[in-house]
């Protein structure tokens, strides 16, 4: 069984790294938040794989000086060796 506290801590760290990479416009660190075979859905786009996400993220961020993301506490279901969940966030762009 997956430990809830460990899963939550790891997910919070992922959220923190994601928000930090966005704010600093660190494209490689942002891409590292995703697995090689991931899928990211944003603004009607469906991006597949870390490389496509990195390229698209860099293009999108060119429109902004800074973007600050605040991520809420994750809502998690943990058990049977896996964790799933969702989070809400607020984005402020300049």
C-alpha atoms as a PDB file:
ATOM      1  CA  UNK A   1       0.000   0.000   0.000  1.00  0.00           C
ATOM      2  CA  UNK A   2       1.256   3.487  -0.857  1.00  0.00           C
ATOM      3  CA  UNK A   3       1.838   5.754   2.129  1.00  0.00           C
ATOM      4  CA  UNK A   4      -0.448   8.813   1.924  1.00  0.00           C
ATOM      5  CA  UNK A   5       2.054  11.159   3.589  1.00  0.00           C
ATOM      6  CA  UNK A   6       4.868  10.158   1.248  1.00  0.00           C
ATOM      7  CA  UNK A   7       2.633  10.511  -1.831  1.00  0.00           C
ATOM      8  CA  UNK A   8       1.345  13.914  -0.717  1.00  0.00           C
ATOM      9  CA  UNK A   9       4.848  15.187   0.031  1.00  0.00           C
ATOM     10  CA  UNK A  10       6.124  14.077  -3.367  1.00  0.00           C
ATOM     11  CA  UNK A  11       3.172  15.646  -5.177  1.00  0.00           C
ATOM     12  CA  UNK A  12       3.620  18.923  -3.278  1.00  0.00           C
ATOM     13  CA  UNK A  13       7.299  18.919  -4.261  1.00  0.00           C
ATOM     14  CA  UNK A  14       6.302  18.381  -7.888  1.00  0.00           C
ATOM     15  CA  UNK A  15       3.867  21.302  -7.653  1.00  0.00           C
ATOM     16  CA  UNK A  16       6.557  23.510  -6.108  1.00  0.00           C
ATOM     17  CA  UNK A  17       9.083  22.619  -8.830  1.00  0.00           C
ATOM     18  CA  UNK A  18       6.458  23.226 -11.533  1.00  0.00           C
ATOM     19  CA  UNK A  19       5.493  26.671 -10.186  1.00  0.00           C
ATOM     20  CA  UNK A  20       9.152  27.616  -9.707  1.00  0.00           C
ATOM     21  CA  UNK A  21      10.088  26.569 -13.249  1.00  0.00           C
ATOM     22  CA  UNK A  22       7.191  28.588 -14.675  1.00  0.00           C
ATOM     23  CA  UNK A  23       8.115  31.708 -12.702  1.00  0.00           C
ATOM     24  CA  UNK A  24      11.804  31.480 -13.654  1.00  0.00           C
ATOM     25  CA  UNK A  25      11.021  30.501 -17.280  1.00  0.00           C
ATOM     26  CA  UNK A  26      13.281  27.487 -16.817  1.00  0.00           C
ATOM     27  CA  UNK A  27      12.153  25.378 -19.763  1.00  0.00           C
ATOM     28  CA  UNK A  28      14.282  22.332 -18.963  1.00  0.00           C
ATOM     29  CA  UNK A  29      13.165  22.224 -15.313  1.00  0.00           C
ATOM     30  CA  UNK A  30       9.562  22.619 -16.447  1.00  0.00           C
ATOM     31  CA  UNK A  31       9.914  19.717 -18.884  1.00  0.00           C
ATOM     32  CA  UNK A  32      11.462  17.607 -16.108  1.00  0.00           C
ATOM     33  CA  UNK A  33       8.119  17.819 -14.260  1.00  0.00           C
ATOM     34  CA  UNK A  34       6.706  15.428 -16.883  1.00  0.00           C
ATOM     35  CA  UNK A  35       7.474  11.833 -17.825  1.00  0.00           C
ATOM     36  CA  UNK A  36       8.770  11.012 -21.302  1.00  0.00           C
ATOM     37  CA  UNK A  37       5.407   9.495 -22.333  1.00  0.00           C
ATOM     38  CA  UNK A  38       3.147  12.080 -20.670  1.00  0.00           C
ATOM     39  CA  UNK A  39       0.247  14.104 -21.989  1.00  0.00           C
ATOM     40  CA  UNK A  40      -0.385  17.767 -21.079  1.00  0.00           C
ATOM     41  CA  UNK A  41      -3.710  19.396 -21.885  1.00  0.00           C
ATOM     42  CA  UNK A  42      -3.741  23.183 -21.829  1.00  0.00           C
ATOM     43  CA  UNK A  43      -5.922  25.777 -23.574  1.00  0.00           C
ATOM     44  CA  UNK A  44      -7.410  23.242 -25.970  1.00  0.00           C
ATOM     45  CA  UNK A  45      -4.008  21.787 -26.889  1.00  0.00           C
ATOM     46  CA  UNK A  46      -3.075  18.162 -26.299  1.00  0.00           C
ATOM     47  CA  UNK A  47       0.701  17.848 -26.088  1.00  0.00           C
ATOM     48  CA  UNK A  48       2.391  14.463 -25.973  1.00  0.00           C
ATOM     49  CA  UNK A  49       5.816  13.811 -24.583  1.00  0.00           C
ATOM     50  CA  UNK A  50       8.346  15.880 -22.683  1.00  0.00           C
ATOM     51  CA  UNK A  51      10.016  17.303 -25.793  1.00  0.00           C
ATOM     52  CA  UNK A  52       6.788  18.661 -27.310  1.00  0.00           C
ATOM     53  CA  UNK A  53       5.757  20.107 -23.940  1.00  0.00           C
ATOM     54  CA  UNK A  54       9.096  21.864 -23.503  1.00  0.00           C
ATOM     55  CA  UNK A  55       9.004  23.415 -26.977  1.00  0.00           C
ATOM     56  CA  UNK A  56       5.390  24.571 -26.637  1.00  0.00           C
ATOM     57  CA  UNK A  57       5.983  25.914 -23.116  1.00  0.00           C
ATOM     58  CA  UNK A  58       8.924  27.972 -24.339  1.00  0.00           C
ATOM     59  CA  UNK A  59       6.810  29.400 -27.175  1.00  0.00           C
ATOM     60  CA  UNK A  60       3.898  30.207 -24.840  1.00  0.00           C
ATOM     61  CA  UNK A  61       6.090  31.862 -22.229  1.00  0.00           C
ATOM     62  CA  UNK A  62       7.536  34.225 -24.831  1.00  0.00           C
ATOM     63  CA  UNK A  63       4.309  36.215 -24.491  1.00  0.00           C
ATOM     64  CA  UNK A  64       4.881  36.964 -20.794  1.00  0.00           C
ATOM     65  CA  UNK A  65       7.457  38.707 -18.658  1.00  0.00           C
ATOM     66  CA  UNK A  66       6.512  36.601 -15.612  1.00  0.00           C
ATOM     67  CA  UNK A  67       3.856  34.089 -14.626  1.00  0.00           C
ATOM     68  CA  UNK A  68       3.126  33.298 -10.972  1.00  0.00           C
ATOM     69  CA  UNK A  69       1.190  30.125 -10.232  1.00  0.00           C
ATOM     70  CA  UNK A  70      -0.311  29.331  -6.837  1.00  0.00           C
ATOM     71  CA  UNK A  71      -1.307  25.681  -6.481  1.00  0.00           C
ATOM     72  CA  UNK A  72      -3.878  24.593  -3.896  1.00  0.00           C
ATOM     73  CA  UNK A  73      -3.587  21.573  -1.633  1.00  0.00           C
ATOM     74  CA  UNK A  74      -3.921  18.397  -3.721  1.00  0.00           C
ATOM     75  CA  UNK A  75      -6.964  16.177  -3.290  1.00  0.00           C
ATOM     76  CA  UNK A  76      -5.605  12.634  -3.334  1.00  0.00           C
ATOM     77  CA  UNK A  77      -6.714   9.030  -3.495  1.00  0.00           C
ATOM     78  CA  UNK A  78      -3.838   6.833  -2.403  1.00  0.00           C
ATOM     79  CA  UNK A  79      -3.732   3.048  -2.298  1.00  0.00           C
ATOM     80  CA  UNK A  80      -2.841  -0.162  -4.096  1.00  0.00           C
ATOM     81  CA  UNK A  81       0.580   1.191  -5.031  1.00  0.00           C
ATOM     82  CA  UNK A  82      -0.606   4.346  -6.781  1.00  0.00           C
ATOM     83  CA  UNK A  83      -1.835   7.853  -6.139  1.00  0.00           C
ATOM     84  CA  UNK A  84      -4.289   9.900  -8.207  1.00  0.00           C
ATOM     85  CA  UNK A  85      -5.621  13.336  -7.546  1.00  0.00           C
ATOM     86  CA  UNK A  86      -6.351  16.838  -8.693  1.00  0.00           C
ATOM     87  CA  UNK A  87      -5.355  20.357  -7.720  1.00  0.00           C
ATOM     88  CA  UNK A  88      -6.706  23.799  -8.404  1.00  0.00           C
ATOM     89  CA  UNK A  89      -4.466  26.741  -9.136  1.00  0.00           C
ATOM     90  CA  UNK A  90      -4.463  30.451  -9.765  1.00  0.00           C
ATOM     91  CA  UNK A  91      -2.293  32.042 -12.417  1.00  0.00           C
ATOM     92  CA  UNK A  92      -1.186  35.670 -12.571  1.00  0.00           C
ATOM     93  CA  UNK A  93       0.684  36.793 -15.648  1.00  0.00           C
ATOM     94  CA  UNK A  94       2.554  39.988 -16.419  1.00  0.00           C
END
